[in-house]
C-alpha atoms as a PDB file:
ATOM      1  CA  UNK A   1     152.632  82.642  53.360  1.00  0.00           C
ATOM      2  CA  UNK A   2     152.803  82.540  57.151  1.00  0.00           C
ATOM      3  CA  UNK A   3     151.685  79.612  59.249  1.00  0.00           C
ATOM      4  CA  UNK A   4     150.802  80.144  62.888  1.00  0.00           C
ATOM      5  CA  UNK A   5     150.717  77.317  65.400  1.00  0.00           C
ATOM      6  CA  UNK A   6     149.205  77.891  68.836  1.00  0.00           C
ATOM      7  CA  UNK A   7     149.796  75.789  71.916  1.00  0.00           C
ATOM      8  CA  UNK A   8     149.269  75.920  75.656  1.00  0.00           C
ATOM      9  CA  UNK A   9     145.513  75.723  75.963  1.00  0.00           C
ATOM     10  CA  UNK A  10     143.728  73.391  78.328  1.00  0.00           C
ATOM     11  CA  UNK A  11     141.478  73.050  81.333  1.00  0.00           C
ATOM     12  CA  UNK A  12     142.207  75.199  84.384  1.00  0.00           C
ATOM     13  CA  UNK A  13     140.322  76.050  87.552  1.00  0.00           C
ATOM     14  CA  UNK A  14     139.087  79.582  88.224  1.00  0.00           C
ATOM     15  CA  UNK A  15     141.918  81.694  89.547  1.00  0.00           C
ATOM     16  CA  UNK A  16     144.509  79.621  87.752  1.00  0.00           C
ATOM     17  CA  UNK A  17     146.988  80.524  85.037  1.00  0.00           C
ATOM     18  CA  UNK A  18     147.903  79.416  81.545  1.00  0.00           C
ATOM     19  CA  UNK A  19     150.460  80.580  79.026  1.00  0.00           C
ATOM     20  CA  UNK A  20     149.608  80.396  75.353  1.00  0.00           C
ATOM     21  CA  UNK A  21     152.287  80.362  72.677  1.00  0.00           C
ATOM     22  CA  UNK A  22     152.063  81.043  68.974  1.00  0.00           C
ATOM     23  CA  UNK A  23     154.990  80.288  66.689  1.00  0.00           C
ATOM     24  CA  UNK A  24     155.151  81.640  63.172  1.00  0.00           C
ATOM     25  CA  UNK A  25     156.861  80.059  60.202  1.00  0.00           C
ATOM     26  CA  UNK A  26     158.899  81.983  57.689  1.00  0.00           C
ATOM     27  CA  UNK A  27     160.738  85.261  57.748  1.00  0.00           C
ATOM     28  CA  UNK A  28     159.802  88.710  58.824  1.00  0.00           C
ATOM     29  CA  UNK A  29     158.177  87.926  62.158  1.00  0.00           C
ATOM     30  CA  UNK A  30     159.551  91.139  63.630  1.00  0.00           C
ATOM     31  CA  UNK A  31     157.562  93.128  61.044  1.00  0.00           C
ATOM     32  CA  UNK A  32     154.185  91.681  62.065  1.00  0.00           C
ATOM     33  CA  UNK A  33     151.753  93.132  64.531  1.00  0.00           C
ATOM     34  CA  UNK A  34     150.712  90.084  66.546  1.00  0.00           C
ATOM     35  CA  UNK A  35     147.462  89.564  68.344  1.00  0.00           C
ATOM     36  CA  UNK A  36     145.413  87.132  70.352  1.00  0.00           C
ATOM     37  CA  UNK A  37     141.677  86.854  69.756  1.00  0.00           C
ATOM     38  CA  UNK A  38     139.079  84.592  71.287  1.00  0.00           C
ATOM     39  CA  UNK A  39     135.698  83.238  70.382  1.00  0.00           C
ATOM     40  CA  UNK A  40     133.251  81.705  72.804  1.00  0.00           C
ATOM     41  CA  UNK A  41     130.272  79.645  71.597  1.00  0.00           C
ATOM     42  CA  UNK A  42     127.570  81.918  70.232  1.00  0.00           C
ATOM     43  CA  UNK A  43     129.806  84.970  70.365  1.00  0.00           C
ATOM     44  CA  UNK A  44     131.777  86.909  67.810  1.00  0.00           C
ATOM     45  CA  UNK A  45     135.534  86.676  67.722  1.00  0.00           C
ATOM     46  CA  UNK A  46     136.994  89.452  69.854  1.00  0.00           C
ATOM     47  CA  UNK A  47     140.383  91.014  70.355  1.00  0.00           C
ATOM     48  CA  UNK A  48     142.099  90.014  73.584  1.00  0.00           C
ATOM     49  CA  UNK A  49     145.508  91.643  73.195  1.00  0.00           C
ATOM     50  CA  UNK A  50     147.912  92.807  70.549  1.00  0.00           C
ATOM     51  CA  UNK A  51     151.564  93.770  70.401  1.00  0.00           C
ATOM     52  CA  UNK A  52     153.099  95.970  67.748  1.00  0.00           C
ATOM     53  CA  UNK A  53     156.462  95.654  66.060  1.00  0.00           C
ATOM     54  CA  UNK A  54     157.894  98.151  68.556  1.00  0.00           C
ATOM     55  CA  UNK A  55     156.465  96.333  71.552  1.00  0.00           C
ATOM     56  CA  UNK A  56     153.456  98.533  72.195  1.00  0.00           C
ATOM     57  CA  UNK A  57     150.520  96.646  73.647  1.00  0.00           C
ATOM     58  CA  UNK A  58     146.758  96.954  73.771  1.00  0.00           C
ATOM     59  CA  UNK A  59     144.289  94.910  75.811  1.00  0.00           C
ATOM     60  CA  UNK A  60     140.580  94.335  75.979  1.00  0.00           C
ATOM     61  CA  UNK A  61     139.138  95.931  79.112  1.00  0.00           C
ATOM     62  CA  UNK A  62     137.988  92.523  80.335  1.00  0.00           C
ATOM     63  CA  UNK A  63     141.557  91.196  80.583  1.00  0.00           C
ATOM     64  CA  UNK A  64     143.535  94.276  81.642  1.00  0.00           C
ATOM     65  CA  UNK A  65     145.646  93.555  84.692  1.00  0.00           C
ATOM     66  CA  UNK A  66     145.259  89.794  84.269  1.00  0.00           C
ATOM     67  CA  UNK A  67     146.717  88.981  80.839  1.00  0.00           C
ATOM     68  CA  UNK A  68     150.105  89.928  79.409  1.00  0.00           C
ATOM     69  CA  UNK A  69     151.131  89.677  75.766  1.00  0.00           C
ATOM     70  CA  UNK A  70     154.797  89.479  74.838  1.00  0.00           C
ATOM     71  CA  UNK A  71     156.926  88.496  71.871  1.00  0.00           C
ATOM     72  CA  UNK A  72     160.302  86.920  71.246  1.00  0.00           C
ATOM     73  CA  UNK A  73     161.390  87.842  67.744  1.00  0.00           C
ATOM     74  CA  UNK A  74     164.382  85.512  67.907  1.00  0.00           C
ATOM     75  CA  UNK A  75     161.979  82.593  68.367  1.00  0.00           C
ATOM     76  CA  UNK A  76     159.238  83.871  66.031  1.00  0.00           C
ATOM     77  CA  UNK A  77     156.881  83.467  68.977  1.00  0.00           C
ATOM     78  CA  UNK A  78     154.213  85.524  70.703  1.00  0.00           C
ATOM     79  CA  UNK A  79     152.936  84.631  74.160  1.00  0.00           C
ATOM     80  CA  UNK A  80     149.821  85.313  76.160  1.00  0.00           C
ATOM     81  CA  UNK A  81     150.238  84.908  79.895  1.00  0.00           C
ATOM     82  CA  UNK A  82     146.806  84.545  81.455  1.00  0.00           C
ATOM     83  CA  UNK A  83     146.440  84.882  85.222  1.00  0.00           C
ATOM     84  CA  UNK A  84     143.423  84.990  87.536  1.00  0.00           C
ATOM     85  CA  UNK A  85     141.387  83.154  84.946  1.00  0.00           C
ATOM     86  CA  UNK A  86     137.599  83.331  85.110  1.00  0.00           C
ATOM     87  CA  UNK A  87     134.926  81.043  83.652  1.00  0.00           C
ATOM     88  CA  UNK A  88     134.043  83.819  81.202  1.00  0.00           C
ATOM     89  CA  UNK A  89     137.551  83.503  79.721  1.00  0.00           C
ATOM     90  CA  UNK A  90     136.523  80.128  78.310  1.00  0.00           C
ATOM     91  CA  UNK A  91     136.888  80.268  74.537  1.00  0.00           C
ATOM     92  CA  UNK A  92     138.942  79.182  71.580  1.00  0.00           C
ATOM     93  CA  UNK A  93     141.974  81.470  71.440  1.00  0.00           C
ATOM     94  CA  UNK A  94     143.408  82.385  68.064  1.00  0.00           C
ATOM     95  CA  UNK A  95     146.745  83.879  67.149  1.00  0.00           C
ATOM     96  CA  UNK A  96     146.781  86.579  64.488  1.00  0.00           C
ATOM     97  CA  UNK A  97     149.591  88.106  62.447  1.00  0.00           C
ATOM     98  CA  UNK A  98     149.076  91.283  60.493  1.00  0.00           C
ATOM     99  CA  UNK A  99     151.142  93.125  57.896  1.00  0.00           C
ATOM    100  CA  UNK A 100     148.507  94.283  55.503  1.00  0.00           C
ATOM    101  CA  UNK A 101     147.556  90.678  54.980  1.00  0.00           C
ATOM    102  CA  UNK A 102     146.088  88.926  58.005  1.00  0.00           C
ATOM    103  CA  UNK A 103     146.995  85.390  58.996  1.00  0.00           C
ATOM    104  CA  UNK A 104     145.259  83.204  61.566  1.00  0.00           C
ATOM    105  CA  UNK A 105     146.234  80.160  63.546  1.00  0.00           C
ATOM    106  CA  UNK A 106     144.000  77.151  64.021  1.00  0.00           C
ATOM    107  CA  UNK A 107     143.063  78.044  67.596  1.00  0.00           C
ATOM    108  CA  UNK A 108     143.556  76.471  70.982  1.00  0.00           C
ATOM    109  CA  UNK A 109     140.803  75.742  73.487  1.00  0.00           C
ATOM    110  CA  UNK A 110     140.925  77.333  76.926  1.00  0.00           C
ATOM    111  CA  UNK A 111     138.379  76.093  79.448  1.00  0.00           C
ATOM    112  CA  UNK A 112     138.093  77.649  82.897  1.00  0.00           C
ATOM    113  CA  UNK A 113     135.962  75.488  85.131  1.00  0.00           C
ATOM    114  CA  UNK A 114     135.931  73.909  88.559  1.00  0.00           C
END
């Protein structure tokens, strides 16, 4: 069983930045593909970014060039650096860990508003 705890969400003005963190419990973090998803009210949950065990990354077109996913296996933590935030980035952001089985965090709210 893996538990994921997200942090770093909040309220930010358009053009601002936030860094989300997700820390996993237990062993084997380096074997998990890690991802960030988001869900806005009335929308389906969508992939934002993922990072593989070897450090390969993939991003949604809407966040390319603005968001960066990274991982620190020594800290069992994955990060999402979000720059140039837009109101349409407002959503609950969820951390995801995948190794056959999929685990989800509880989510952290990101609100981009002036």
